[in-house]
């Protein structure tokens, strides 16, 4: 079986590279494709085998040689457009389209999960991270009309390595995952950064690392240049996200999905609950994680050591209990291939 894995973002590219490596070890042929990533990236990710714009890819002759195409794009609308273009071209050429599989790499719940599914309905197979997502989809779509074809759904686990790349550092390290547009309240991001700066100044034996979870350019500063900065408040360099998640003592964020890696690797998680639990902050999926705290409940960084680890039952349902995701994918694709041959 030859698989083509298509991605257009840092998280998606990293997940596709990891999936390709595991599948290659199992004797499967995998090709990665997608456009070059722009700006500084939080992850050190190799270039894809085929560097190409996603919409140009639909007509590339390589697609005639693959058994299945995995679409892992930042915007699910792009998934829908690719499927329509690709299947339209196959129909015009009287060719059989390859099996299409897709899915949100991060755990979604409720309305966000259904919205995402609605944009992937043209795919043959849907990948979700955990059994919690799979059961939610079953319950949310049980009364959908029979005329609306639903893709098969499987749970394949998390998009990052199961083991941390390194042990926690000897010196205490708080890793703060800074998101691009969250928190959404005016001035809230700056307030969060000021709090981190204040904590760092109070406890010089700690390092507070500011790590963007998205791409950025060299001219974009997190703190204003005239703001007095604690010596132990440091901006992360590009490509350091995974090592920092492994070496940190604790990981703080509003709703970055990368905090789940810190949870799975046994680091202390802090999901900032000051901005509420709702779609606007992408915090609904963290309900039940056992790691949501208000900033005022943490008087200083030493108090972080007394915070609990993530709720392991919640974490398992979100995908941590699944360790054979690539095997599940190959079995599901083989089953779909057998159905088509009947």
Protein backbone atom coordinates (compact mmCIF):
# COMPACT_ATOMS: atom_id res chain seq x y z
CA UNK A 1 0.00 0.00 0.00
CA UNK A 2 1.29 3.48 -0.91
CA UNK A 3 0.01 6.37 1.18
CA UNK A 4 0.26 10.10 0.45
CA UNK A 5 0.13 12.30 3.57
CA UNK A 6 -0.68 15.96 2.84
CA UNK A 7 -0.13 18.77 5.36
CA UNK A 8 0.19 22.55 5.36
CA UNK A 9 1.01 23.52 8.96
CA UNK A 10 3.66 22.81 11.56
CA UNK A 11 1.55 20.57 13.79
CA UNK A 12 0.11 18.77 10.79
CA UNK A 13 3.51 18.33 9.11
CA UNK A 14 5.04 16.96 12.30
CA UNK A 15 2.19 14.46 12.71
CA UNK A 16 2.46 13.30 9.09
CA UNK A 17 6.23 12.82 9.37
CA UNK A 18 5.78 10.78 12.56
CA UNK A 19 3.01 8.69 10.96
CA UNK A 20 5.13 8.10 7.85
CA UNK A 21 8.08 6.93 9.96
CA UNK A 22 5.97 4.43 11.91
CA UNK A 23 4.22 3.13 8.79
CA UNK A 24 7.57 2.78 7.01
CA UNK A 25 8.81 0.60 9.87
CA UNK A 26 5.77 -1.61 9.23
CA UNK A 27 6.63 -2.02 5.56
CA UNK A 28 4.24 0.59 4.16
CA UNK A 29 5.33 3.14 1.55
CA UNK A 30 4.54 6.72 2.61
CA UNK A 31 5.06 9.99 0.76
CA UNK A 32 4.64 13.38 2.44
CA UNK A 33 3.53 16.45 0.48
CA UNK A 34 2.56 20.05 1.06
CA UNK A 35 3.72 23.65 0.70
CA UNK A 36 6.85 25.04 2.41
CA UNK A 37 6.15 26.37 5.90
CA UNK A 38 6.58 30.13 6.31
CA UNK A 39 8.27 31.97 9.19
CA UNK A 40 9.83 30.60 12.35
CA UNK A 41 8.31 27.27 13.37
CA UNK A 42 7.94 25.93 16.92
CA UNK A 43 8.77 22.42 15.66
CA UNK A 44 11.89 21.16 13.93
CA UNK A 45 10.20 19.43 11.01
CA UNK A 46 11.84 18.20 7.78
CA UNK A 47 10.58 19.33 4.39
CA UNK A 48 8.03 17.04 2.71
CA UNK A 49 9.07 14.66 -0.05
CA UNK A 50 7.00 16.72 -2.49
CA UNK A 51 6.88 20.49 -1.97
CA UNK A 52 3.71 21.71 -3.66
CA UNK A 53 0.64 23.89 -3.10
CA UNK A 54 -2.28 21.80 -1.89
CA UNK A 55 -4.66 22.83 -4.67
CA UNK A 56 -2.05 22.13 -7.34
CA UNK A 57 -1.54 18.69 -5.86
CA UNK A 58 -5.03 17.52 -6.89
CA UNK A 59 -3.89 17.28 -10.55
CA UNK A 60 -0.38 15.93 -9.92
CA UNK A 61 0.43 12.63 -11.67
CA UNK A 62 1.76 11.22 -8.39
CA UNK A 63 -1.83 10.75 -7.24
CA UNK A 64 -2.32 8.05 -9.90
CA UNK A 65 0.22 5.89 -8.05
CA UNK A 66 -1.14 6.04 -4.48
CA UNK A 67 -3.64 3.78 -2.74
CA UNK A 68 -4.84 6.33 -0.18
CA UNK A 69 -4.49 10.05 0.48
CA UNK A 70 -4.44 11.52 3.98
CA UNK A 71 -5.49 15.16 4.18
CA UNK A 72 -4.30 16.96 7.31
CA UNK A 73 -4.77 20.66 6.66
CA UNK A 74 -5.12 23.57 9.08
CA UNK A 75 -8.41 24.68 7.54
CA UNK A 76 -10.94 21.86 7.01
CA UNK A 77 -12.54 23.95 4.24
CA UNK A 78 -9.37 23.23 2.26
CA UNK A 79 -10.01 19.50 2.77
CA UNK A 80 -13.45 19.87 1.23
CA UNK A 81 -12.11 21.82 -1.75
CA UNK A 82 -9.33 19.32 -2.40
CA UNK A 83 -11.75 16.38 -2.30
CA UNK A 84 -14.14 18.06 -4.74
CA UNK A 85 -11.34 18.97 -7.15
CA UNK A 86 -9.60 15.60 -6.98
CA UNK A 87 -12.74 13.48 -7.29
CA UNK A 88 -14.00 15.71 -10.11
CA UNK A 89 -10.76 15.20 -12.04
CA UNK A 90 -10.91 11.42 -11.47
CA UNK A 91 -14.48 11.32 -12.74
CA UNK A 92 -13.60 13.35 -15.85
CA UNK A 93 -10.71 10.97 -16.61
CA UNK A 94 -12.83 7.89 -15.81
CA UNK A 95 -10.31 6.88 -13.17
CA UNK A 96 -10.91 5.36 -9.74
CA UNK A 97 -10.12 7.82 -6.97
CA UNK A 98 -7.79 6.78 -4.17
CA UNK A 99 -9.26 6.27 -0.71
CA UNK A 100 -9.38 9.59 1.14
CA UNK A 101 -8.88 9.87 4.87
CA UNK A 102 -8.75 12.92 7.08
CA UNK A 103 -9.52 14.15 10.56
CA UNK A 104 -8.79 16.74 13.22
CA UNK A 105 -5.43 15.85 14.74
CA UNK A 106 -6.31 17.55 18.03
CA UNK A 107 -9.18 16.34 20.23
CA UNK A 108 -12.43 18.19 19.51
CA UNK A 109 -15.75 17.86 21.32
CA UNK A 110 -19.38 18.86 20.86
CA UNK A 111 -20.20 21.55 18.31
CA UNK A 112 -16.56 21.91 17.24
CA UNK A 113 -16.39 18.18 16.46
CA UNK A 114 -19.57 18.24 14.37
CA UNK A 115 -18.50 21.40 12.52
CA UNK A 116 -15.23 19.75 11.65
CA UNK A 117 -16.94 16.53 10.52
CA UNK A 118 -19.32 18.44 8.25
CA UNK A 119 -16.34 19.69 6.22
CA UNK A 120 -14.83 16.21 5.84
CA UNK A 121 -17.93 14.31 4.71
CA UNK A 122 -16.41 13.66 1.28
CA UNK A 123 -13.67 11.53 2.81
CA UNK A 124 -13.94 7.75 3.08
CA UNK A 125 -12.38 7.45 6.52
CA UNK A 126 -12.32 9.85 9.45
CA UNK A 127 -9.54 9.76 12.05
CA UNK A 128 -10.18 11.09 15.56
CA UNK A 129 -7.76 11.01 18.46
CA UNK A 130 -9.65 9.13 21.18
CA UNK A 131 -12.58 6.89 21.95
CA UNK A 132 -14.30 9.87 23.54
CA UNK A 133 -14.44 11.59 20.13
CA UNK A 134 -15.57 8.42 18.36
CA UNK A 135 -18.42 7.84 20.83
CA UNK A 136 -19.46 11.49 20.62
CA UNK A 137 -19.70 11.27 16.84
CA UNK A 138 -21.83 8.16 17.12
CA UNK A 139 -24.25 9.84 19.52
CA UNK A 140 -24.36 13.14 17.62
CA UNK A 141 -25.04 11.55 14.21
CA UNK A 142 -27.28 8.59 15.08
CA UNK A 143 -30.38 10.26 13.64
CA UNK A 144 -28.81 11.80 10.55
CA UNK A 145 -30.65 10.99 7.29
CA UNK A 146 -29.58 7.80 5.52
CA UNK A 147 -28.95 9.83 2.35
CA UNK A 148 -26.10 11.64 4.11
CA UNK A 149 -23.10 9.34 3.74
CA UNK A 150 -20.90 9.27 6.82
CA UNK A 151 -17.26 8.20 6.58
CA UNK A 152 -16.06 5.28 8.66
CA UNK A 153 -14.58 6.53 11.95
CA UNK A 154 -11.57 5.17 13.86
CA UNK A 155 -9.56 6.40 16.85
CA UNK A 156 -5.82 6.60 16.22
CA UNK A 157 -4.40 8.30 19.32
CA UNK A 158 -2.30 11.41 19.64
CA UNK A 159 -0.27 13.19 16.94
CA UNK A 160 2.97 13.37 18.96
CA UNK A 161 5.43 10.67 20.15
CA UNK A 162 4.22 8.48 23.00
CA UNK A 163 7.46 9.02 24.95
CA UNK A 164 9.00 12.37 25.87
CA UNK A 165 12.21 13.20 23.98
CA UNK A 166 14.03 13.99 27.24
CA UNK A 167 13.68 13.98 31.02
CA UNK A 168 12.68 17.08 33.02
CA UNK A 169 15.51 19.54 33.56
CA UNK A 170 17.12 19.76 37.01
CA UNK A 171 16.35 23.47 37.28
CA UNK A 172 12.58 24.11 37.52
CA UNK A 173 11.15 25.24 34.20
CA UNK A 174 7.70 26.64 33.48
CA UNK A 175 6.88 26.38 29.78
CA UNK A 176 4.19 28.88 28.75
CA UNK A 177 2.56 28.03 25.42
CA UNK A 178 1.54 31.36 23.88
CA UNK A 179 -1.26 31.17 21.32
CA UNK A 180 -1.76 33.47 18.36
CA UNK A 181 -5.31 34.71 18.99
CA UNK A 182 -6.22 33.29 22.41
CA UNK A 183 -7.16 34.62 24.91
CA UNK A 184 -9.51 36.70 22.81
CA UNK A 185 -10.40 39.34 25.42
CA UNK A 186 -8.82 42.73 24.75
CA UNK A 187 -5.61 43.06 26.72
CA UNK A 188 -5.82 39.53 28.16
CA UNK A 189 -2.72 38.24 26.37
CA UNK A 190 -0.64 41.13 27.65
CA UNK A 191 -2.04 40.59 31.15
CA UNK A 192 -1.04 36.91 31.02
CA UNK A 193 2.50 37.83 29.89
CA UNK A 194 2.79 40.39 32.70
CA UNK A 195 1.77 37.72 35.21
CA UNK A 196 4.43 35.36 33.85
CA UNK A 197 7.02 38.14 34.08
CA UNK A 198 6.00 38.86 37.67
CA UNK A 199 6.23 35.18 38.65
CA UNK A 200 9.68 34.94 37.06
CA UNK A 201 10.94 38.01 38.94
CA UNK A 202 9.67 36.61 42.26
CA UNK A 203 11.41 33.23 41.81
CA UNK A 204 14.82 33.64 40.06
CA UNK A 205 15.61 29.94 40.58
CA UNK A 206 12.90 29.13 38.01
CA UNK A 207 13.13 29.63 34.26
CA UNK A 208 9.95 30.81 32.55
CA UNK A 209 10.09 29.97 28.85
CA UNK A 210 7.72 31.69 26.41
CA UNK A 211 7.02 29.28 23.56
CA UNK A 212 4.72 30.23 20.70
CA UNK A 213 2.64 27.26 19.51
CA UNK A 214 2.37 28.79 16.01
CA UNK A 215 4.65 30.20 13.32
CA UNK A 216 6.04 33.71 13.77
CA UNK A 217 8.50 36.16 12.23
CA UNK A 218 11.57 37.77 13.73
CA UNK A 219 9.94 41.18 14.06
CA UNK A 220 7.10 39.97 16.29
CA UNK A 221 7.92 40.57 19.95
CA UNK A 222 5.87 39.04 22.74
CA UNK A 223 6.62 41.71 25.34
CA UNK A 224 7.05 45.40 24.45
CA UNK A 225 10.73 46.33 24.20
CA UNK A 226 10.33 49.00 26.90
CA UNK A 227 8.76 46.57 29.40
CA UNK A 228 11.16 45.61 32.24
CA UNK A 229 11.75 41.91 31.76
CA UNK A 230 12.90 39.43 34.39
CA UNK A 231 16.28 37.89 33.56
CA UNK A 232 14.79 34.38 33.80
CA UNK A 233 11.89 35.09 31.41
CA UNK A 234 13.13 33.75 28.07
CA UNK A 235 11.74 33.50 24.53
CA UNK A 236 12.09 30.02 23.02
CA UNK A 237 14.11 29.59 19.84
CA UNK A 238 12.52 28.08 16.71
CA UNK A 239 12.29 24.31 16.57
CA UNK A 240 12.44 23.75 20.34
CA UNK A 241 8.82 22.92 21.20
CA UNK A 242 9.15 19.16 21.69
CA UNK A 243 12.41 19.29 23.70
CA UNK A 244 10.93 22.00 25.92
CA UNK A 245 7.75 20.01 26.49
CA UNK A 246 9.95 17.12 27.57
CA UNK A 247 12.27 19.13 29.81
CA UNK A 248 9.70 21.38 31.52
CA UNK A 249 8.52 20.93 35.09
CA UNK A 250 5.12 22.41 34.28
CA UNK A 251 3.30 23.62 31.17
CA UNK A 252 0.89 26.58 31.17
CA UNK A 253 -1.52 27.67 28.46
CA UNK A 254 -5.08 28.80 27.86
CA UNK A 255 -5.93 26.08 25.37
CA UNK A 256 -2.95 25.10 23.21
CA UNK A 257 -3.36 21.45 22.15
CA UNK A 258 0.35 20.92 22.75
CA UNK A 259 -0.33 21.04 26.48
CA UNK A 260 -1.78 17.54 26.02
CA UNK A 261 1.72 16.31 25.17
CA UNK A 262 2.97 17.69 28.49
CA UNK A 263 0.08 15.92 30.25
CA UNK A 264 0.79 12.62 28.49
CA UNK A 265 4.48 12.88 29.40
CA UNK A 266 3.73 13.38 33.10
CA UNK A 267 4.43 17.10 33.41
CA UNK A 268 2.31 19.37 35.62
CA UNK A 269 -0.34 21.06 33.45
CA UNK A 270 -1.87 24.49 34.04
CA UNK A 271 -4.86 25.32 31.85
CA UNK A 272 -5.65 28.97 32.57
CA UNK A 273 -9.33 29.09 33.47
CA UNK A 274 -9.64 32.87 33.85
CA UNK A 275 -11.32 33.26 30.45
CA UNK A 276 -14.06 30.64 30.81
CA UNK A 277 -14.90 27.29 29.24
CA UNK A 278 -16.39 27.90 25.80
CA UNK A 279 -15.68 27.65 22.09
CA UNK A 280 -14.26 31.17 21.78
CA UNK A 281 -11.26 30.21 23.90
CA UNK A 282 -11.06 26.59 22.61
CA UNK A 283 -11.34 25.45 26.22
CA UNK A 284 -14.45 23.24 25.99
CA UNK A 285 -12.32 20.21 25.13
CA UNK A 286 -10.40 20.58 28.39
CA UNK A 287 -13.48 20.16 30.57
CA UNK A 288 -12.71 17.31 32.95
CA UNK A 289 -8.92 17.45 32.53
CA UNK A 290 -8.42 18.32 36.20
CA UNK A 291 -5.80 20.92 35.33
CA UNK A 292 -7.78 24.16 35.01
CA UNK A 293 -6.68 26.88 37.45
CA UNK A 294 -7.19 30.59 37.88
CA UNK A 295 -4.03 32.67 37.88
CA UNK A 296 -4.82 34.21 41.25
CA UNK A 297 -4.89 30.75 42.83
CA UNK A 298 -1.14 30.40 42.13
CA UNK A 299 0.65 32.88 44.42
CA UNK A 300 4.15 32.05 43.14
CA UNK A 301 5.97 29.49 41.00
CA UNK A 302 6.93 27.21 43.89
CA UNK A 303 3.21 26.60 44.40
CA UNK A 304 3.11 25.00 40.94
CA UNK A 305 4.83 21.92 42.36
CA UNK A 306 1.76 21.23 44.51
CA UNK A 307 -0.65 21.19 41.55
CA UNK A 308 -2.03 17.81 40.40
CA UNK A 309 -1.24 15.96 37.20
CA UNK A 310 -3.94 15.64 34.54
CA UNK A 311 -6.98 13.42 35.09
CA UNK A 312 -5.69 10.14 33.63
CA UNK A 313 -9.18 8.83 32.78
CA UNK A 314 -9.89 11.99 30.79
CA UNK A 315 -6.50 11.80 29.12
CA UNK A 316 -7.00 8.16 28.18
CA UNK A 317 -10.38 8.89 26.58
CA UNK A 318 -8.84 11.71 24.57
CA UNK A 319 -6.32 9.35 22.98
CA UNK A 320 -3.57 8.44 25.44
CA UNK A 321 -4.80 4.86 25.79
CA UNK A 322 -4.34 4.22 22.06
CA UNK A 323 -0.82 3.17 21.10
CA UNK A 324 -1.49 1.30 17.83
CA UNK A 325 -2.89 4.13 15.71
CA UNK A 326 -0.94 3.35 12.52
CA UNK A 327 -2.02 -0.31 12.70
CA UNK A 328 -5.64 0.77 13.07
CA UNK A 329 -5.27 3.03 10.04
CA UNK A 330 -3.82 0.30 7.81
CA UNK A 331 -6.50 -2.21 8.88
CA UNK A 332 -9.28 0.33 8.21
CA UNK A 333 -7.88 1.23 4.78
CA UNK A 334 -7.53 -2.46 3.88
CA UNK A 335 -11.13 -3.08 4.93
CA UNK A 336 -12.35 -0.22 2.73
CA UNK A 337 -10.30 -1.59 -0.18
CA UNK A 338 -11.91 -5.02 0.23
CA UNK A 339 -15.38 -3.44 0.25
CA UNK A 340 -14.67 -1.64 -3.03
CA UNK A 341 -13.52 -4.88 -4.66
CA UNK A 342 -16.77 -6.70 -3.91
